[in-house]
Protein backbone atom coordinates (compact mmCIF):
# COMPACT_ATOMS: atom_id res chain seq x y z
CA UNK A 1 -0.05 -0.05 -0.18
CA UNK A 2 3.04 2.35 0.52
CA UNK A 3 4.25 1.91 -2.92
CA UNK A 4 0.99 2.37 -4.40
CA UNK A 5 0.62 5.81 -2.56
CA UNK A 6 4.16 6.62 -3.59
CA UNK A 7 3.32 5.66 -7.23
CA UNK A 8 0.04 7.79 -7.13
CA UNK A 9 1.77 10.94 -5.72
CA UNK A 10 4.29 10.61 -8.39
CA UNK A 11 1.65 10.48 -11.21
CA UNK A 12 -0.45 13.17 -9.65
CA UNK A 13 2.74 15.28 -9.54
CA UNK A 14 3.59 14.77 -13.25
CA UNK A 15 -0.13 15.61 -14.22
CA UNK A 16 0.38 19.02 -12.46
CA UNK A 17 3.22 20.02 -14.68
CA UNK A 18 1.80 22.22 -17.51
CA UNK A 19 4.53 21.27 -20.15
CA UNK A 20 3.54 17.56 -20.24
CA UNK A 21 -0.24 18.38 -21.10
CA UNK A 22 0.77 18.38 -24.82
CA UNK A 23 2.24 14.77 -24.46
CA UNK A 24 0.01 12.36 -26.16
CA UNK A 25 0.10 9.90 -23.14
CA UNK A 26 -1.23 12.81 -20.78
CA UNK A 27 -4.76 12.19 -21.32
CA UNK A 28 -4.57 8.40 -21.08
CA UNK A 29 -2.56 8.94 -17.74
CA UNK A 30 -4.99 11.57 -16.37
CA UNK A 31 -8.05 9.02 -17.32
CA UNK A 32 -6.27 6.40 -15.81
CA UNK A 33 -5.69 8.51 -12.70
CA UNK A 34 -9.31 9.73 -12.45
CA UNK A 35 -10.51 6.21 -13.02
CA UNK A 36 -8.38 4.86 -10.13
CA UNK A 37 -9.48 7.60 -7.83
CA UNK A 38 -13.17 6.56 -8.55
CA UNK A 39 -12.38 2.93 -7.95
CA UNK A 40 -10.78 3.85 -4.89
CA UNK A 41 -13.74 5.61 -3.70
CA UNK A 42 -15.92 2.77 -4.62
CA UNK A 43 -13.62 0.67 -2.79
CA UNK A 44 -13.68 2.96 0.46
CA UNK A 45 -17.67 2.82 0.28
CA UNK A 46 -17.63 -0.80 -0.07
CA UNK A 47 -15.32 -1.14 2.73
CA UNK A 48 -17.46 1.11 4.90
CA UNK A 49 -20.49 -0.79 4.00
CA UNK A 50 -18.78 -4.06 4.93
CA UNK A 51 -17.60 -2.70 8.34
CA UNK A 52 -20.92 -1.36 8.95
CA UNK A 53 -22.42 -4.55 8.11
CA UNK A 54 -20.01 -6.51 10.19
CA UNK A 55 -20.59 -4.08 13.06
CA UNK A 56 -24.39 -4.68 12.61
CA UNK A 57 -23.88 -8.34 12.50
CA UNK A 58 -21.88 -8.13 15.85
CA UNK A 59 -24.65 -6.15 17.37
CA UNK A 60 -27.32 -8.60 15.97
CA UNK A 61 -25.44 -11.55 17.35
CA UNK A 62 -24.66 -9.70 20.71
CA UNK A 63 -28.43 -9.12 20.98
CA UNK A 64 -29.35 -12.48 19.99
CA UNK A 65 -27.04 -13.83 22.67
CA UNK A 66 -28.48 -11.64 25.31
CA UNK A 67 -31.96 -12.62 24.22
CA UNK A 68 -30.97 -16.27 24.54
CA UNK A 69 -29.55 -15.74 27.81
CA UNK A 70 -32.63 -13.80 29.13
CA UNK A 71 -34.86 -16.72 27.76
CA UNK A 72 -32.42 -19.23 29.41
CA UNK A 73 -32.82 -17.51 32.83
CA UNK A 74 -36.49 -17.17 32.29
CA UNK A 75 -36.84 -21.01 31.61
CA UNK A 76 -34.52 -21.97 34.31
CA UNK A 77 -36.79 -19.91 36.74
CA UNK A 78 -39.96 -21.47 35.35
CA UNK A 79 -38.35 -24.78 35.92
CA UNK A 80 -37.41 -24.14 39.58
CA UNK A 81 -41.15 -22.79 39.90
CA UNK A 82 -42.45 -25.80 38.28
CA UNK A 83 -40.31 -28.17 40.26
CA UNK A 84 -41.29 -26.28 43.65
CA UNK A 85 -45.00 -26.73 42.50
CA UNK A 86 -44.85 -30.25 41.69
CA UNK A 87 -43.14 -30.84 44.99
CA UNK A 88 -45.78 -28.95 46.90
CA UNK A 89 -48.50 -31.03 44.93
CA UNK A 90 -46.48 -34.16 46.05
CA UNK A 91 -46.45 -32.80 49.71
CA UNK A 92 -50.21 -32.18 49.52
CA UNK A 93 -51.11 -35.51 47.84
CA UNK A 94 -49.17 -37.23 50.77
CA UNK A 95 -50.73 -35.20 53.39
CA UNK A 96 -53.99 -35.78 51.75
CA UNK A 97 -53.49 -39.45 51.65
CA UNK A 98 -52.22 -39.55 55.39
CA UNK A 99 -55.24 -37.51 56.34
CA UNK A 100 -57.69 -40.00 54.50
CA UNK A 101 -55.89 -43.18 56.05
CA UNK A 102 -54.57 -41.91 59.62
CA UNK A 103 -56.10 -40.75 62.84
CA UNK A 104 -54.94 -37.05 63.27
CA UNK A 105 -54.52 -37.33 67.00
CA UNK A 106 -52.73 -40.51 67.60
CA UNK A 107 -51.16 -40.88 63.99
CA UNK A 108 -52.59 -44.49 63.89
CA UNK A 109 -54.36 -46.00 61.15
CA UNK A 110 -57.99 -45.00 60.95
CA UNK A 111 -61.08 -47.11 60.52
CA UNK A 112 -61.05 -46.54 56.73
CA UNK A 113 -57.59 -47.98 56.61
CA UNK A 114 -58.13 -50.76 59.07
CA UNK A 115 -61.02 -51.92 56.97
CA UNK A 116 -59.05 -51.98 53.85
CA UNK A 117 -56.35 -53.84 55.46
CA UNK A 118 -58.87 -56.31 57.13
CA UNK A 119 -60.11 -57.07 53.52
CA UNK A 120 -56.72 -57.73 52.29
CA UNK A 121 -55.76 -60.15 55.21
CA UNK A 122 -59.20 -61.90 54.84
CA UNK A 123 -58.36 -62.39 51.02
CA UNK A 124 -54.77 -63.45 51.78
CA UNK A 125 -56.05 -65.92 54.44
CA UNK A 126 -58.59 -67.40 52.23
CA UNK A 127 -55.96 -67.91 49.40
CA UNK A 128 -52.86 -69.07 51.40
CA UNK A 129 -54.53 -70.53 54.45
CA UNK A 130 -52.50 -68.11 56.66
CA UNK A 131 -54.18 -67.29 60.01
CA UNK A 132 -54.77 -63.81 61.45
CA UNK A 133 -56.51 -62.41 64.36
CA UNK A 134 -57.91 -59.29 65.67
CA UNK A 135 -58.20 -57.56 68.93
CA UNK A 136 -60.51 -55.00 70.18
CA UNK A 137 -59.14 -52.68 72.96
CA UNK A 138 -61.09 -50.10 74.91
CA UNK A 139 -59.64 -47.90 77.87
CA UNK A 140 -61.43 -48.34 80.89
CA UNK A 141 -63.32 -45.66 82.67
CA UNK A 142 -62.15 -43.41 79.98
CA UNK A 143 -64.96 -41.12 80.46
CA UNK A 144 -64.20 -40.70 84.10
CA UNK A 145 -60.61 -39.70 83.27
CA UNK A 146 -61.77 -37.03 80.85
CA UNK A 147 -64.45 -35.61 83.55
CA UNK A 148 -61.73 -35.49 86.23
CA UNK A 149 -58.60 -34.44 84.46
CA UNK A 150 -59.82 -32.86 81.14
CA UNK A 151 -59.73 -33.91 77.59
CA UNK A 152 -56.25 -32.71 77.09
CA UNK A 153 -55.03 -35.16 79.66
CA UNK A 154 -57.33 -38.02 77.94
CA UNK A 155 -55.84 -37.15 74.49
CA UNK A 156 -52.21 -37.36 75.95
CA UNK A 157 -53.24 -40.83 77.32
CA UNK A 158 -54.45 -42.05 73.94
CA UNK A 159 -51.13 -40.84 72.17
CA UNK A 160 -49.14 -42.34 74.78
CA UNK A 161 -50.94 -45.58 74.31
CA UNK A 162 -50.60 -45.39 70.65
CA UNK A 163 -46.93 -45.07 71.00
CA UNK A 164 -46.54 -47.92 73.47
CA UNK A 165 -48.65 -50.22 71.30
CA UNK A 166 -46.52 -49.38 68.16
CA UNK A 167 -43.32 -50.31 70.17
CA UNK A 168 -44.91 -53.56 71.34
CA UNK A 169 -46.24 -54.91 68.32
CA UNK A 170 -44.60 -56.69 65.53
CA UNK A 171 -43.47 -55.35 62.38
CA UNK A 172 -46.16 -57.01 60.29
CA UNK A 173 -49.01 -55.94 62.57
CA UNK A 174 -51.21 -53.05 62.22
CA UNK A 175 -52.83 -51.05 65.20
CA UNK A 176 -55.57 -48.36 64.51
CA UNK A 177 -57.89 -46.19 66.30
CA UNK A 178 -61.35 -47.72 65.77
CA UNK A 179 -63.14 -44.92 67.45
CA UNK A 180 -63.06 -42.62 70.57
CA UNK A 181 -61.06 -44.66 73.00
CA UNK A 182 -61.19 -47.93 71.02
CA UNK A 183 -58.28 -49.44 69.26
CA UNK A 184 -58.26 -52.13 66.84
CA UNK A 185 -55.15 -54.48 66.51
CA UNK A 186 -54.78 -56.52 63.27
CA UNK A 187 -52.35 -59.26 64.22
CA UNK A 188 -51.00 -61.01 60.70
CA UNK A 189 -49.84 -64.45 60.79
CA UNK A 190 -51.06 -65.07 64.22
CA UNK A 191 -53.37 -67.81 65.76
CA UNK A 192 -55.42 -67.07 68.51
CA UNK A 193 -53.05 -68.56 71.09
CA UNK A 194 -50.12 -66.21 69.60
CA UNK A 195 -52.62 -63.14 69.74
CA UNK A 196 -53.51 -64.05 73.37
CA UNK A 197 -49.56 -63.98 74.44
CA UNK A 198 -49.23 -60.59 72.52
CA UNK A 199 -52.19 -59.06 74.11
CA UNK A 200 -50.94 -60.06 77.63
CA UNK A 201 -47.73 -58.57 76.89
CA UNK A 202 -49.30 -55.55 75.87
CA UNK A 203 -51.48 -55.29 78.88
CA UNK A 204 -48.42 -55.61 81.01
CA UNK A 205 -46.83 -52.49 79.49
CA UNK A 206 -49.96 -50.53 79.43
CA UNK A 207 -50.40 -50.92 83.22
CA UNK A 208 -47.07 -49.30 83.65
CA UNK A 209 -48.01 -46.31 81.52
CA UNK A 210 -48.16 -42.94 83.64
CA UNK A 211 -49.49 -39.57 82.27
CA UNK A 212 -48.86 -36.42 84.51
CA UNK A 213 -52.01 -34.39 85.20
CA UNK A 214 -50.91 -31.55 87.55
CA UNK A 215 -49.66 -33.23 90.79
CA UNK A 216 -51.23 -36.48 89.86
CA UNK A 217 -49.95 -39.58 87.88
CA UNK A 218 -52.86 -41.04 85.78
CA UNK A 219 -52.76 -44.71 85.30
CA UNK A 220 -55.01 -46.58 82.82
CA UNK A 221 -56.23 -50.13 82.10
CA UNK A 222 -57.69 -51.54 78.99
CA UNK A 223 -60.22 -54.27 78.39
CA UNK A 224 -59.84 -56.41 75.20
CA UNK A 225 -61.51 -58.98 72.88
CA UNK A 226 -59.48 -61.35 70.60
CA UNK A 227 -60.92 -63.22 67.78
CA UNK A 228 -59.30 -65.44 64.95
CA UNK A 229 -60.42 -65.00 61.43
CA UNK A 230 -62.60 -67.93 59.98
CA UNK A 231 -62.36 -68.20 56.26
CA UNK A 232 -66.37 -69.08 56.26
CA UNK A 233 -66.90 -65.40 57.65
CA UNK A 234 -66.31 -62.18 56.52
CA UNK A 235 -64.00 -59.63 58.04
CA UNK A 236 -66.35 -57.82 59.71
CA UNK A 237 -67.77 -60.81 61.33
CA UNK A 238 -64.43 -61.40 62.93
CA UNK A 239 -64.39 -57.88 64.28
CA UNK A 240 -67.92 -58.29 65.84
CA UNK A 241 -66.84 -61.39 67.58
CA UNK A 242 -63.91 -59.55 68.95
CA UNK A 243 -66.30 -56.60 70.02
CA UNK A 244 -68.56 -59.11 71.85
CA UNK A 245 -65.70 -60.65 73.58
CA UNK A 246 -64.68 -57.00 74.71
CA UNK A 247 -67.92 -56.20 76.12
CA UNK A 248 -67.80 -59.78 78.21
CA UNK A 249 -64.31 -58.39 79.42
CA UNK A 250 -66.13 -55.23 80.63
CA UNK A 251 -68.84 -56.93 82.31
CA UNK A 252 -66.34 -59.40 83.89
CA UNK A 253 -64.50 -56.50 85.66
CA UNK A 254 -62.37 -54.70 83.20
CA UNK A 255 -58.50 -54.86 82.98
CA UNK A 256 -58.87 -58.41 81.25
CA UNK A 257 -59.29 -59.93 77.79
CA UNK A 258 -61.68 -62.45 76.66
CA UNK A 259 -61.49 -64.95 73.63
CA UNK A 260 -64.21 -64.73 71.13
CA UNK A 261 -66.53 -67.69 70.77
């Protein structure tokens, strides 16, 4: 480019000398020089346009990248919101399921869940010939406890009993709140004799239960009826037999159990 500039400068200097104007090559040289100047200007315009286009392309690319980054950030934010919403829905579903199958006070299975598990136990017993038993428990003189010490103490007794029964029963058993101060034990793979031994152990631990009510230590006893499932009856019949045995235990003086007929 430096050589071209020197050459053009030399040509321009020659064209400026008046004594060369009559030379036959002067017009040609002048025309060539003017043509070169025109080409140079067009080239400069093209370069300017190219530079502008490149700058425009860079600006467009930068804007596109920024838009993409903003869009990606929005999508990540929406994804986090969606994840939190789905987790919230799962938590709500778990809570709804728990509320529909568990007693809110004791956390034990409620009557609905017990009925479902009893039905499954009956089907399994008929299909595989495995024994299972149920025990119906009722807190003795519970109304008297509530009247004397208040319902808060009564609720605490039920909660403590639920915890103690959960610790005493086997892993495959199910303890639920049948209603009020009544509890139902579903004892899987358990004959009447085995259920009797388990209930005796449970009675022994319940007699040691103490709940503080002011300056008083409240003790509790329970009565129970135990029945083994018969394949010829439905599950509710088994529960009814256990309930009748429980009434017999109550009439017999409480703090005892009876085996169903």
